[in-house]
């Protein structure tokens, strides 16, 4: 399984690589499936936009076969003001790359954090990611909504899920993201299997 994206995939803010969500996801899936051969490859690069990720994704999928891919996308594009049409085109290209490789794709939408500079524009990008993925028949893990719920619960709860920079996730946040990804993968692969 391939996990690709930017700092949330890489694990920035975690205390060690073992605490990043791809490593935690691998452990969860191995336990749930009672199989030792589950491997989640962490292909996260901090600070990367969707355009740069797409270049790497194309090269990775050309060189290696995966059973499925998880694409954490949109945060850096939204923060840098990438126009919605460009973000949509990048999402379409990523979906097409996974489709052409014959692998299911799970999209993880942008994160919530307390100091979003232009929340209106940022939330438009979040909605775009979810809307476009669903329109293309791709499963979506709505991380933004989950993290907003953490904030609504209490400032202290959100703080416990974030690293000291109040932007990247903490070990606890990554653990939660891994559980959510595992649940989303089970739901998505169950749907695709029943549709065949």
Protein backbone atom coordinates (compact mmCIF):
# COMPACT_ATOMS: atom_id res chain seq x y z
CA UNK A 1 0.00 0.00 0.00
CA UNK A 2 1.24 3.47 -0.87
CA UNK A 3 0.71 6.51 1.38
CA UNK A 4 1.64 9.68 -0.48
CA UNK A 5 1.30 13.35 0.34
CA UNK A 6 3.08 16.06 2.29
CA UNK A 7 3.98 16.58 5.95
CA UNK A 8 0.97 14.76 7.40
CA UNK A 9 2.04 11.65 5.51
CA UNK A 10 5.72 12.11 6.29
CA UNK A 11 4.88 12.49 9.99
CA UNK A 12 6.10 16.00 10.79
CA UNK A 13 5.31 16.62 14.46
CA UNK A 14 5.50 12.95 15.45
CA UNK A 15 8.09 11.91 18.01
CA UNK A 16 9.44 9.19 15.68
CA UNK A 17 8.75 7.67 12.24
CA UNK A 18 6.92 4.82 14.01
CA UNK A 19 4.32 7.34 15.21
CA UNK A 20 3.53 8.72 11.72
CA UNK A 21 0.14 7.65 10.43
CA UNK A 22 1.44 5.27 7.68
CA UNK A 23 3.43 3.23 10.23
CA UNK A 24 0.50 3.23 12.66
CA UNK A 25 -1.86 2.22 9.83
CA UNK A 26 0.40 -0.68 8.88
CA UNK A 27 0.30 -1.96 12.47
CA UNK A 28 -3.48 -1.60 12.66
CA UNK A 29 -4.07 -3.41 9.38
CA UNK A 30 -1.67 -6.21 10.32
CA UNK A 31 -3.54 -6.71 13.57
CA UNK A 32 -7.01 -6.54 12.03
CA UNK A 33 -6.15 -8.89 9.16
CA UNK A 34 -3.89 -11.13 11.29
CA UNK A 35 -1.35 -10.93 8.46
CA UNK A 36 2.30 -9.97 8.74
CA UNK A 37 2.69 -9.15 5.05
CA UNK A 38 0.78 -5.84 5.14
CA UNK A 39 3.19 -3.04 4.22
CA UNK A 40 2.42 0.69 4.02
CA UNK A 41 5.09 2.64 2.15
CA UNK A 42 5.47 6.20 3.47
CA UNK A 43 6.05 8.50 0.48
CA UNK A 44 5.41 11.78 2.28
CA UNK A 45 7.44 14.91 1.51
CA UNK A 46 6.91 17.92 3.81
CA UNK A 47 5.70 21.13 2.18
CA UNK A 48 4.83 19.54 -1.13
CA UNK A 49 1.95 20.71 -3.31
CA UNK A 50 -0.27 18.39 -5.33
CA UNK A 51 1.63 19.19 -8.53
CA UNK A 52 4.93 17.96 -7.09
CA UNK A 53 3.25 14.92 -5.54
CA UNK A 54 1.76 13.99 -8.92
CA UNK A 55 5.20 13.86 -10.50
CA UNK A 56 6.36 11.47 -7.81
CA UNK A 57 3.14 9.45 -7.91
CA UNK A 58 3.47 8.88 -11.66
CA UNK A 59 7.07 7.69 -11.26
CA UNK A 60 6.28 5.46 -8.26
CA UNK A 61 3.31 3.79 -9.94
CA UNK A 62 5.34 3.22 -13.10
CA UNK A 63 8.07 1.49 -11.11
CA UNK A 64 6.15 -0.51 -8.53
CA UNK A 65 2.81 -2.27 -8.08
CA UNK A 66 0.59 -1.42 -5.10
CA UNK A 67 -2.75 -2.83 -3.95
CA UNK A 68 -4.06 0.65 -3.17
CA UNK A 69 -3.00 4.23 -2.52
CA UNK A 70 -3.84 6.91 0.02
CA UNK A 71 -3.35 10.49 -1.19
CA UNK A 72 -3.26 13.23 1.47
CA UNK A 73 -3.80 16.34 -0.62
CA UNK A 74 -4.74 19.99 -0.66
CA UNK A 75 -3.43 21.67 2.48
CA UNK A 76 -0.35 23.27 0.93
CA UNK A 77 -2.22 24.11 -2.27
CA UNK A 78 -4.95 25.89 -0.28
CA UNK A 79 -2.43 27.75 1.87
CA UNK A 80 -0.52 28.92 -1.22
CA UNK A 81 -3.66 30.12 -2.96
CA UNK A 82 -3.57 27.65 -5.85
CA UNK A 83 -6.63 28.50 -8.00
CA UNK A 84 -9.51 26.06 -7.64
CA UNK A 85 -9.39 25.11 -11.33
CA UNK A 86 -5.73 24.13 -10.99
CA UNK A 87 -6.38 22.12 -7.82
CA UNK A 88 -9.29 20.37 -9.54
CA UNK A 89 -7.09 19.50 -12.53
CA UNK A 90 -4.43 18.10 -10.21
CA UNK A 91 -6.98 15.99 -8.38
CA UNK A 92 -8.33 14.68 -11.67
CA UNK A 93 -4.81 13.74 -12.75
CA UNK A 94 -4.13 11.88 -9.49
CA UNK A 95 -7.40 9.96 -9.75
CA UNK A 96 -6.54 9.08 -13.35
CA UNK A 97 -3.06 7.86 -12.37
CA UNK A 98 -4.53 5.51 -9.75
CA UNK A 99 -7.24 4.35 -12.15
CA UNK A 100 -4.72 3.66 -14.92
CA UNK A 101 -2.60 1.68 -12.43
CA UNK A 102 -5.67 -0.35 -11.50
CA UNK A 103 -5.56 0.50 -7.81
CA UNK A 104 -8.22 1.88 -5.46
CA UNK A 105 -7.55 5.37 -4.11
CA UNK A 106 -8.45 6.96 -0.78
CA UNK A 107 -8.18 10.76 -0.68
CA UNK A 108 -7.47 12.49 2.65
CA UNK A 109 -8.68 16.08 2.53
CA UNK A 110 -6.88 19.13 4.03
CA UNK A 111 -6.43 19.48 7.75
CA UNK A 112 -8.01 21.94 10.15
CA UNK A 113 -5.75 24.08 12.32
CA UNK A 114 -6.51 27.11 14.53
CA UNK A 115 -4.64 29.77 12.54
CA UNK A 116 -6.05 29.26 9.03
CA UNK A 117 -5.26 32.62 7.38
CA UNK A 118 -8.27 32.83 5.01
CA UNK A 119 -10.81 30.33 6.28
CA UNK A 120 -13.40 31.06 3.57
CA UNK A 121 -10.98 30.32 0.73
CA UNK A 122 -9.42 27.40 2.60
CA UNK A 123 -12.78 25.75 3.25
CA UNK A 124 -13.66 26.15 -0.44
CA UNK A 125 -10.56 24.10 -1.24
CA UNK A 126 -11.55 21.49 1.37
CA UNK A 127 -15.02 21.17 -0.15
CA UNK A 128 -13.55 20.99 -3.65
CA UNK A 129 -11.31 18.05 -2.71
CA UNK A 130 -14.20 16.10 -1.22
CA UNK A 131 -16.71 16.97 -3.91
CA UNK A 132 -14.41 16.15 -6.82
CA UNK A 133 -13.16 12.88 -5.32
CA UNK A 134 -16.69 11.68 -4.65
CA UNK A 135 -17.80 12.70 -8.15
CA UNK A 136 -15.00 10.49 -9.52
CA UNK A 137 -16.06 7.55 -7.33
CA UNK A 138 -13.08 7.89 -4.98
CA UNK A 139 -13.38 7.36 -1.22
CA UNK A 140 -12.69 10.43 0.93
CA UNK A 141 -11.44 10.63 4.50
CA UNK A 142 -12.83 13.97 5.70
CA UNK A 143 -9.99 14.93 8.01
CA UNK A 144 -11.01 18.58 8.14
CA UNK A 145 -14.39 17.72 9.67
CA UNK A 146 -12.79 15.37 12.20
CA UNK A 147 -10.28 18.00 13.30
CA UNK A 148 -12.98 20.68 13.50
CA UNK A 149 -14.88 18.32 15.80
CA UNK A 150 -11.77 18.08 17.99
CA UNK A 151 -11.70 21.88 18.18
CA UNK A 152 -15.43 22.05 18.94
CA UNK A 153 -14.95 19.59 21.77
CA UNK A 154 -12.41 21.83 23.46
CA UNK A 155 -9.23 23.80 22.83
CA UNK A 156 -7.43 21.36 25.10
CA UNK A 157 -8.56 18.36 23.10
CA UNK A 158 -7.44 19.91 19.82
CA UNK A 159 -4.12 20.90 21.41
CA UNK A 160 -3.54 17.27 22.45
CA UNK A 161 -3.94 16.19 18.83
CA UNK A 162 -1.53 18.80 17.47
CA UNK A 163 2.23 19.15 17.77
CA UNK A 164 3.77 22.16 19.50
CA UNK A 165 3.53 24.25 16.31
CA UNK A 166 -0.32 24.02 16.51
CA UNK A 167 -0.33 22.98 12.84
CA UNK A 168 1.08 19.48 12.39
CA UNK A 169 -0.39 16.51 14.22
CA UNK A 170 0.97 14.99 17.42
CA UNK A 171 1.40 11.27 18.04
CA UNK A 172 -2.19 11.16 19.31
CA UNK A 173 -3.46 12.93 16.19
CA UNK A 174 -1.59 10.56 13.89
CA UNK A 175 -2.89 7.56 15.83
CA UNK A 176 -6.43 8.81 15.31
CA UNK A 177 -5.78 9.48 11.61
CA UNK A 178 -4.46 5.93 11.19
CA UNK A 179 -7.61 4.47 12.80
CA UNK A 180 -9.81 6.60 10.56
CA UNK A 181 -7.83 5.57 7.48
CA UNK A 182 -8.13 1.90 8.41
CA UNK A 183 -11.90 2.26 8.80
CA UNK A 184 -12.17 4.17 5.51
CA UNK A 185 -10.13 1.53 3.67
CA UNK A 186 -12.31 -1.28 4.99
CA UNK A 187 -15.44 0.61 3.94
CA UNK A 188 -14.03 1.51 0.50
CA UNK A 189 -12.69 -1.95 -0.34
CA UNK A 190 -15.93 -3.51 0.90
CA UNK A 191 -17.94 -1.26 -1.42
CA UNK A 192 -15.73 -1.98 -4.42
CA UNK A 193 -15.85 -5.73 -3.77
CA UNK A 194 -19.65 -5.73 -3.49
CA UNK A 195 -19.95 -3.67 -6.68
CA UNK A 196 -18.04 -6.24 -8.79
